[in-house]
Each structure stands twice: as C-alpha cells, then as structure tokens.
PDB file of N, CA and C in Angstrom:
ATOM      1  N   UNK A   1      11.317  -7.328 -10.857  1.00  0.00           N
ATOM      2  CA  UNK A   1       9.800  -7.665 -10.754  1.00  0.00           C
ATOM      3  C   UNK A   1       9.921  -9.473 -11.082  1.00  0.00           C
ATOM      4  N   UNK A   2       8.986  -9.904 -10.276  1.00  0.00           N
ATOM      5  CA  UNK A   2       8.944 -11.455 -10.421  1.00  0.00           C
ATOM      6  C   UNK A   2       7.214 -11.562 -10.201  1.00  0.00           C
ATOM      7  N   UNK A   3       7.123 -12.485 -11.334  1.00  0.00           N
ATOM      8  CA  UNK A   3       5.696 -12.740 -11.445  1.00  0.00           C
ATOM      9  C   UNK A   3       5.466 -14.408 -11.404  1.00  0.00           C
ATOM     10  N   UNK A   4       4.765 -14.758 -10.256  1.00  0.00           N
ATOM     11  CA  UNK A   4       4.395 -16.367 -10.482  1.00  0.00           C
ATOM     12  C   UNK A   4       3.025 -16.459 -10.480  1.00  0.00           C
ATOM     13  N   UNK A   5       2.551 -17.405 -11.309  1.00  0.00           N
ATOM     14  CA  UNK A   5       1.196 -17.767 -11.530  1.00  0.00           C
ATOM     15  C   UNK A   5       0.900 -19.277 -11.118  1.00  0.00           C
ATOM     16  N   UNK A   6       0.021 -19.413 -10.240  1.00  0.00           N
ATOM     17  CA  UNK A   6      -0.206 -20.902  -9.531  1.00  0.00           C
ATOM     18  C   UNK A   6      -1.793 -20.744  -9.270  1.00  0.00           C
ATOM     19  N   UNK A   7      -2.006 -22.096  -8.601  1.00  0.00           N
ATOM     20  CA  UNK A   7      -3.480 -22.579  -8.201  1.00  0.00           C
ATOM     21  C   UNK A   7      -3.547 -21.497  -7.100  1.00  0.00           C
ATOM     22  N   UNK A   8      -5.116 -21.014  -6.994  1.00  0.00           N
ATOM     23  CA  UNK A   8      -5.364 -20.087  -5.854  1.00  0.00           C
ATOM     24  C   UNK A   8      -5.556 -20.750  -4.692  1.00  0.00           C
ATOM     25  N   UNK A   9      -5.518 -22.015  -4.640  1.00  0.00           N
ATOM     26  CA  UNK A   9      -5.769 -22.815  -3.520  1.00  0.00           C
ATOM     27  C   UNK A   9      -4.526 -23.230  -2.552  1.00  0.00           C
ATOM     28  N   UNK A  10      -4.823 -23.642  -1.191  1.00  0.00           N
ATOM     29  CA  UNK A  10      -3.540 -24.079  -0.262  1.00  0.00           C
ATOM     30  C   UNK A  10      -2.586 -22.887  -0.167  1.00  0.00           C
ATOM     31  N   UNK A  11      -3.022 -21.597  -0.219  1.00  0.00           N
ATOM     32  CA  UNK A  11      -2.094 -20.604   0.349  1.00  0.00           C
ATOM     33  C   UNK A  11      -0.769 -20.303  -0.748  1.00  0.00           C
ATOM     34  N   UNK A  12      -0.952 -20.726  -2.130  1.00  0.00           N
ATOM     35  CA  UNK A  12      -0.012 -20.282  -3.010  1.00  0.00           C
ATOM     36  C   UNK A  12       0.415 -19.043  -2.859  1.00  0.00           C
ATOM     37  N   UNK A  13      -0.291 -17.835  -2.800  1.00  0.00           N
ATOM     38  CA  UNK A  13       0.267 -16.649  -3.077  1.00  0.00           C
ATOM     39  C   UNK A  13       0.949 -16.311  -1.824  1.00  0.00           C
ATOM     40  N   UNK A  14       0.573 -16.513  -0.612  1.00  0.00           N
ATOM     41  CA  UNK A  14       1.309 -16.351   0.890  1.00  0.00           C
ATOM     42  C   UNK A  14       2.846 -17.266   0.793  1.00  0.00           C
ATOM     43  N   UNK A  15       2.771 -18.313  -0.023  1.00  0.00           N
ATOM     44  CA  UNK A  15       3.860 -19.194   0.028  1.00  0.00           C
ATOM     45  C   UNK A  15       5.055 -18.309  -0.825  1.00  0.00           C
ATOM     46  N   UNK A  16       4.430 -17.897  -1.895  1.00  0.00           N
ATOM     47  CA  UNK A  16       5.350 -17.097  -2.928  1.00  0.00           C
ATOM     48  C   UNK A  16       6.043 -16.086  -2.263  1.00  0.00           C
ATOM     49  N   UNK A  17       5.239 -15.201  -1.587  1.00  0.00           N
ATOM     50  CA  UNK A  17       5.596 -14.044  -1.047  1.00  0.00           C
ATOM     51  C   UNK A  17       6.696 -14.315   0.333  1.00  0.00           C
ATOM     52  N   UNK A  18       6.238 -15.240   1.125  1.00  0.00           N
ATOM     53  CA  UNK A  18       7.122 -15.846   2.024  1.00  0.00           C
ATOM     54  C   UNK A  18       8.360 -16.096   1.834  1.00  0.00           C
ATOM     55  N   UNK A  19       8.221 -16.963   0.215  1.00  0.00           N
ATOM     56  CA  UNK A  19       9.732 -17.512  -0.296  1.00  0.00           C
ATOM     57  C   UNK A  19      10.636 -16.465  -0.609  1.00  0.00           C
ATOM     58  N   UNK A  20       9.951 -15.169  -1.116  1.00  0.00           N
ATOM     59  CA  UNK A  20      11.006 -14.212  -1.494  1.00  0.00           C
ATOM     60  C   UNK A  20      11.419 -13.300  -0.428  1.00  0.00           C
ATOM     61  N   UNK A  21      10.500 -13.112   0.699  1.00  0.00           N
ATOM     62  CA  UNK A  21      11.022 -12.606   1.744  1.00  0.00           C
ATOM     63  C   UNK A  21      12.191 -13.256   2.355  1.00  0.00           C
ATOM     64  N   UNK A  22      12.009 -14.627   2.630  1.00  0.00           N
ATOM     65  CA  UNK A  22      12.901 -15.543   3.340  1.00  0.00           C
ATOM     66  C   UNK A  22      14.377 -15.597   2.534  1.00  0.00           C
ATOM     67  N   UNK A  23      14.060 -15.624   1.295  1.00  0.00           N
ATOM     68  CA  UNK A  23      15.322 -15.664   0.206  1.00  0.00           C
ATOM     69  C   UNK A  23      16.275 -14.589   0.286  1.00  0.00           C
ATOM     70  N   UNK A  24      15.368 -13.213   0.542  1.00  0.00           N
ATOM     71  CA  UNK A  24      16.312 -12.000   0.358  1.00  0.00           C
ATOM     72  C   UNK A  24      16.622 -11.637   1.845  1.00  0.00           C
ATOM     73  N   UNK A  25      16.317 -12.415   2.898  1.00  0.00           N
ATOM     74  CA  UNK A  25      16.519 -12.261   4.272  1.00  0.00           C
ATOM     75  C   UNK A  25      15.876 -10.879   4.765  1.00  0.00           C
ATOM     76  N   UNK A  26      14.699 -10.694   4.479  1.00  0.00           N
ATOM     77  CA  UNK A  26      13.843  -9.246   4.731  1.00  0.00           C
ATOM     78  C   UNK A  26      13.128  -9.842   5.919  1.00  0.00           C
ATOM     79  N   UNK A  27      12.863  -8.479   6.710  1.00  0.00           N
ATOM     80  CA  UNK A  27      11.870  -8.670   7.886  1.00  0.00           C
ATOM     81  C   UNK A  27      10.524  -8.575   7.650  1.00  0.00           C
ATOM     82  N   UNK A  28      10.490  -7.876   6.398  1.00  0.00           N
ATOM     83  CA  UNK A  28       8.910  -7.454   5.965  1.00  0.00           C
ATOM     84  C   UNK A  28       8.883  -8.132   4.436  1.00  0.00           C
ATOM     85  N   UNK A  29       7.433  -8.391   4.273  1.00  0.00           N
ATOM     86  CA  UNK A  29       7.232  -9.041   3.016  1.00  0.00           C
ATOM     87  C   UNK A  29       7.509  -7.927   1.976  1.00  0.00           C
ATOM     88  N   UNK A  30       8.173  -8.098   0.638  1.00  0.00           N
ATOM     89  CA  UNK A  30       8.218  -7.070  -0.437  1.00  0.00           C
ATOM     90  C   UNK A  30       6.856  -6.749  -0.914  1.00  0.00           C
ATOM     91  N   UNK A  31       6.916  -5.719  -1.708  1.00  0.00           N
ATOM     92  CA  UNK A  31       5.836  -5.102  -2.171  1.00  0.00           C
ATOM     93  C   UNK A  31       5.281  -6.149  -3.363  1.00  0.00           C
ATOM     94  N   UNK A  32       3.800  -6.386  -3.310  1.00  0.00           N
ATOM     95  CA  UNK A  32       3.427  -7.187  -4.009  1.00  0.00           C
ATOM     96  C   UNK A  32       1.814  -6.969  -4.208  1.00  0.00           C
ATOM     97  N   UNK A  33       1.267  -7.518  -5.461  1.00  0.00           N
ATOM     98  CA  UNK A  33      -0.094  -7.378  -5.979  1.00  0.00           C
ATOM     99  C   UNK A  33      -0.579  -8.843  -6.326  1.00  0.00           C
ATOM    100  N   UNK A  34      -1.756  -9.155  -6.279  1.00  0.00           N
ATOM    101  CA  UNK A  34      -2.492 -10.489  -6.343  1.00  0.00           C
ATOM    102  C   UNK A  34      -3.483  -9.855  -7.640  1.00  0.00           C
ATOM    103  N   UNK A  35      -3.727 -10.925  -8.509  1.00  0.00           N
ATOM    104  CA  UNK A  35      -4.697 -10.703  -9.503  1.00  0.00           C
ATOM    105  C   UNK A  35      -5.244 -11.959  -9.668  1.00  0.00           C
ATOM    106  N   UNK A  36      -6.544 -12.386  -9.509  1.00  0.00           N
ATOM    107  CA  UNK A  36      -7.253 -13.852  -9.612  1.00  0.00           C
ATOM    108  C   UNK A  36      -7.816 -13.723 -11.068  1.00  0.00           C
ATOM    109  N   UNK A  37      -7.947 -15.001 -11.695  1.00  0.00           N
ATOM    110  CA  UNK A  37      -8.669 -15.270 -12.867  1.00  0.00           C
ATOM    111  C   UNK A  37      -9.998 -15.178 -12.551  1.00  0.00           C
ATOM    112  N   UNK A  38     -10.827 -14.929 -13.712  1.00  0.00           N
ATOM    113  CA  UNK A  38     -12.363 -14.899 -13.614  1.00  0.00           C
ATOM    114  C   UNK A  38     -13.012 -15.830 -12.758  1.00  0.00           C
ATOM    115  N   UNK A  39     -12.448 -17.187 -13.032  1.00  0.00           N
ATOM    116  CA  UNK A  39     -13.154 -18.412 -12.387  1.00  0.00           C
ATOM    117  C   UNK A  39     -12.619 -18.487 -11.012  1.00  0.00           C
ATOM    118  N   UNK A  40     -11.356 -17.806 -10.646  1.00  0.00           N
ATOM    119  CA  UNK A  40     -11.052 -17.941  -9.334  1.00  0.00           C
ATOM    120  C   UNK A  40     -10.073 -19.163  -9.048  1.00  0.00           C
ATOM    121  N   UNK A  41      -9.713 -19.803 -10.259  1.00  0.00           N
ATOM    122  CA  UNK A  41      -8.805 -21.168  -9.991  1.00  0.00           C
ATOM    123  C   UNK A  41      -7.242 -20.902  -9.860  1.00  0.00           C
ATOM    124  N   UNK A  42      -7.022 -19.745 -10.539  1.00  0.00           N
ATOM    125  CA  UNK A  42      -5.505 -19.386 -10.505  1.00  0.00           C
ATOM    126  C   UNK A  42      -5.440 -17.966 -10.011  1.00  0.00           C
ATOM    127  N   UNK A  43      -4.087 -17.492  -9.466  1.00  0.00           N
ATOM    128  CA  UNK A  43      -3.763 -16.234  -8.957  1.00  0.00           C
ATOM    129  C   UNK A  43      -2.421 -15.832  -9.498  1.00  0.00           C
ATOM    130  N   UNK A  44      -2.172 -14.652  -9.901  1.00  0.00           N
ATOM    131  CA  UNK A  44      -0.873 -14.073 -10.215  1.00  0.00           C
ATOM    132  C   UNK A  44      -0.367 -13.351  -9.139  1.00  0.00           C
ATOM    133  N   UNK A  45       0.722 -13.649  -8.832  1.00  0.00           N
ATOM    134  CA  UNK A  45       1.249 -12.811  -7.642  1.00  0.00           C
ATOM    135  C   UNK A  45       2.539 -12.016  -8.118  1.00  0.00           C
ATOM    136  N   UNK A  46       2.361 -10.745  -8.336  1.00  0.00           N
ATOM    137  CA  UNK A  46       3.662  -9.799  -9.100  1.00  0.00           C
ATOM    138  C   UNK A  46       4.171  -8.960  -7.880  1.00  0.00           C
ATOM    139  N   UNK A  47       5.645  -9.535  -7.739  1.00  0.00           N
ATOM    140  CA  UNK A  47       6.302  -8.955  -6.527  1.00  0.00           C
ATOM    141  C   UNK A  47       7.548  -7.994  -6.932  1.00  0.00           C
ATOM    142  N   UNK A  48       7.759  -7.228  -6.304  1.00  0.00           N
ATOM    143  CA  UNK A  48       8.772  -5.915  -6.516  1.00  0.00           C
ATOM    144  C   UNK A  48       9.726  -5.795  -5.379  1.00  0.00           C
ATOM    145  N   UNK A  49      10.563  -6.700  -5.071  1.00  0.00           N
ATOM    146  CA  UNK A  49      11.332  -6.594  -4.034  1.00  0.00           C
ATOM    147  C   UNK A  49      12.716  -5.875  -4.505  1.00  0.00           C
ATOM    148  N   UNK A  50      13.534  -5.085  -3.834  1.00  0.00           N
ATOM    149  CA  UNK A  50      14.600  -4.794  -4.056  1.00  0.00           C
ATOM    150  C   UNK A  50      15.723  -5.743  -4.088  1.00  0.00           C
ATOM    151  N   UNK A  51      16.378  -6.006  -5.094  1.00  0.00           N
ATOM    152  CA  UNK A  51      17.490  -6.942  -5.032  1.00  0.00           C
ATOM    153  C   UNK A  51      18.983  -6.190  -5.282  1.00  0.00           C
ATOM    154  N   UNK A  52      19.949  -6.569  -4.837  1.00  0.00           N
ATOM    155  CA  UNK A  52      21.229  -5.959  -5.275  1.00  0.00           C
ATOM    156  C   UNK A  52      21.982  -6.709  -6.376  1.00  0.00           C
ATOM    157  N   UNK A  53      21.784  -8.160  -6.365  1.00  0.00           N
ATOM    158  CA  UNK A  53      22.880  -8.697  -7.236  1.00  0.00           C
ATOM    159  C   UNK A  53      22.115  -9.712  -8.221  1.00  0.00           C
ATOM    160  N   UNK A  54      22.752 -10.138  -9.238  1.00  0.00           N
ATOM    161  CA  UNK A  54      22.105 -11.040 -10.204  1.00  0.00           C
ATOM    162  C   UNK A  54      22.061 -12.383  -9.221  1.00  0.00           C
ATOM    163  N   UNK A  55      22.827 -12.699  -8.322  1.00  0.00           N
ATOM    164  CA  UNK A  55      22.805 -13.991  -7.426  1.00  0.00           C
ATOM    165  C   UNK A  55      21.655 -13.941  -6.847  1.00  0.00           C
ATOM    166  N   UNK A  56      20.970 -12.732  -6.367  1.00  0.00           N
ATOM    167  CA  UNK A  56      19.842 -12.595  -5.548  1.00  0.00           C
ATOM    168  C   UNK A  56      18.612 -13.073  -6.370  1.00  0.00           C
ATOM    169  N   UNK A  57      18.775 -12.524  -7.535  1.00  0.00           N
ATOM    170  CA  UNK A  57      17.508 -12.779  -8.816  1.00  0.00           C
ATOM    171  C   UNK A  57      17.591 -14.169  -8.999  1.00  0.00           C
ATOM    172  N   UNK A  58      18.634 -14.814  -9.219  1.00  0.00           N
ATOM    173  CA  UNK A  58      18.671 -16.320  -9.608  1.00  0.00           C
ATOM    174  C   UNK A  58      18.099 -17.177  -8.374  1.00  0.00           C
ATOM    175  N   UNK A  59      18.664 -16.898  -7.351  1.00  0.00           N
ATOM    176  CA  UNK A  59      18.249 -17.541  -6.091  1.00  0.00           C
ATOM    177  C   UNK A  59      16.525 -17.345  -5.745  1.00  0.00           C
ATOM    178  N   UNK A  60      16.198 -16.143  -6.007  1.00  0.00           N
ATOM    179  CA  UNK A  60      14.545 -15.849  -6.024  1.00  0.00           C
ATOM    180  C   UNK A  60      13.838 -16.794  -7.165  1.00  0.00           C
ATOM    181  N   UNK A  61      14.333 -16.839  -8.428  1.00  0.00           N
ATOM    182  CA  UNK A  61      13.655 -17.669  -9.116  1.00  0.00           C
ATOM    183  C   UNK A  61      13.802 -19.146  -8.919  1.00  0.00           C
ATOM    184  N   UNK A  62      15.122 -19.652  -8.260  1.00  0.00           N
ATOM    185  CA  UNK A  62      15.123 -21.038  -7.917  1.00  0.00           C
ATOM    186  C   UNK A  62      14.013 -21.233  -6.941  1.00  0.00           C
ATOM    187  N   UNK A  63      14.030 -20.434  -5.996  1.00  0.00           N
ATOM    188  CA  UNK A  63      13.152 -20.820  -4.798  1.00  0.00           C
ATOM    189  C   UNK A  63      11.616 -20.752  -5.102  1.00  0.00           C
ATOM    190  N   UNK A  64      11.276 -19.931  -6.190  1.00  0.00           N
ATOM    191  CA  UNK A  64       9.651 -19.786  -6.440  1.00  0.00           C
ATOM    192  C   UNK A  64       9.436 -21.003  -7.337  1.00  0.00           C
ATOM    193  N   UNK A  65      10.470 -21.492  -8.002  1.00  0.00           N
ATOM    194  CA  UNK A  65      10.251 -22.792  -8.843  1.00  0.00           C
ATOM    195  C   UNK A  65       9.922 -23.837  -8.222  1.00  0.00           C
ATOM    196  N   UNK A  66      10.361 -24.016  -6.903  1.00  0.00           N
ATOM    197  CA  UNK A  66       9.981 -25.123  -5.933  1.00  0.00           C
ATOM    198  C   UNK A  66       8.723 -25.286  -5.248  1.00  0.00           C
ATOM    199  N   UNK A  67       7.981 -23.941  -5.661  1.00  0.00           N
ATOM    200  CA  UNK A  67       6.681 -23.813  -4.801  1.00  0.00           C
ATOM    201  C   UNK A  67       5.704 -24.840  -5.378  1.00  0.00           C
ATOM    202  N   UNK A  68       5.063 -25.624  -4.480  1.00  0.00           N
ATOM    203  CA  UNK A  68       3.977 -26.541  -5.273  1.00  0.00           C
ATOM    204  C   UNK A  68       2.663 -25.715  -5.638  1.00  0.00           C
ATOM    205  N   UNK A  69       2.117 -25.834  -6.706  1.00  0.00           N
ATOM    206  CA  UNK A  69       1.322 -25.697  -7.447  1.00  0.00           C
ATOM    207  C   UNK A  69       1.452 -24.223  -8.512  1.00  0.00           C
ATOM    208  N   UNK A  70       2.737 -24.196  -8.706  1.00  0.00           N
ATOM    209  CA  UNK A  70       3.123 -23.138  -9.704  1.00  0.00           C
ATOM    210  C   UNK A  70       2.868 -23.592 -11.078  1.00  0.00           C
ATOM    211  N   UNK A  71       2.257 -22.880 -11.761  1.00  0.00           N
ATOM    212  CA  UNK A  71       2.015 -23.075 -13.221  1.00  0.00           C
ATOM    213  C   UNK A  71       3.085 -22.240 -14.100  1.00  0.00           C
ATOM    214  N   UNK A  72       3.374 -21.008 -13.907  1.00  0.00           N
ATOM    215  CA  UNK A  72       4.339 -20.433 -14.763  1.00  0.00           C
ATOM    216  C   UNK A  72       4.905 -19.354 -14.068  1.00  0.00           C
ATOM    217  N   UNK A  73       6.228 -19.016 -14.356  1.00  0.00           N
ATOM    218  CA  UNK A  73       6.658 -17.896 -13.391  1.00  0.00           C
ATOM    219  C   UNK A  73       7.633 -16.941 -14.811  1.00  0.00           C
ATOM    220  N   UNK A  74       7.468 -15.862 -14.459  1.00  0.00           N
ATOM    221  CA  UNK A  74       8.207 -14.616 -15.273  1.00  0.00           C
ATOM    222  C   UNK A  74       9.135 -13.812 -14.475  1.00  0.00           C
TER     223      UNK A  74
END
C-alpha cells in the first residue's frame, strides 16, 4: 500500500495514480481511494497495486516523490 498526501489542486490525485500505473507498466489504474481534508485543500491518495519485487516498491516511491504538490508520502 502506498499513500501520498498533497494539494488537492492541479490534478495531484490523477498524477499520483498515473505515476504508479506507468511505473508498474500496467494498462489500467491500480486500485485506489481518495480522501479530502475538511477544508478541501489537501487530498490523500491511497493506492493498493500488486507489486512483485522490492525494486518495484522503491521505484514507485521514487516516482511519487517527484510529483509536484506532494506534502507527505507513506
């Protein structure tokens, strides 16, 4: 499971989902959930893709880390 929290503007959630899909070379989006803060300024994106190796996990973390608007990643 990966979680990225960032600013809710400029398509942050879509960029996170697309980055994970692209990094894992999948044809469809991985399963994900969105949760917005009460004031709507931030969004938490929780993704549950299937990964096969530790290298894929690290690659996904590296890819998410480069996304503009990221506040925290878990």
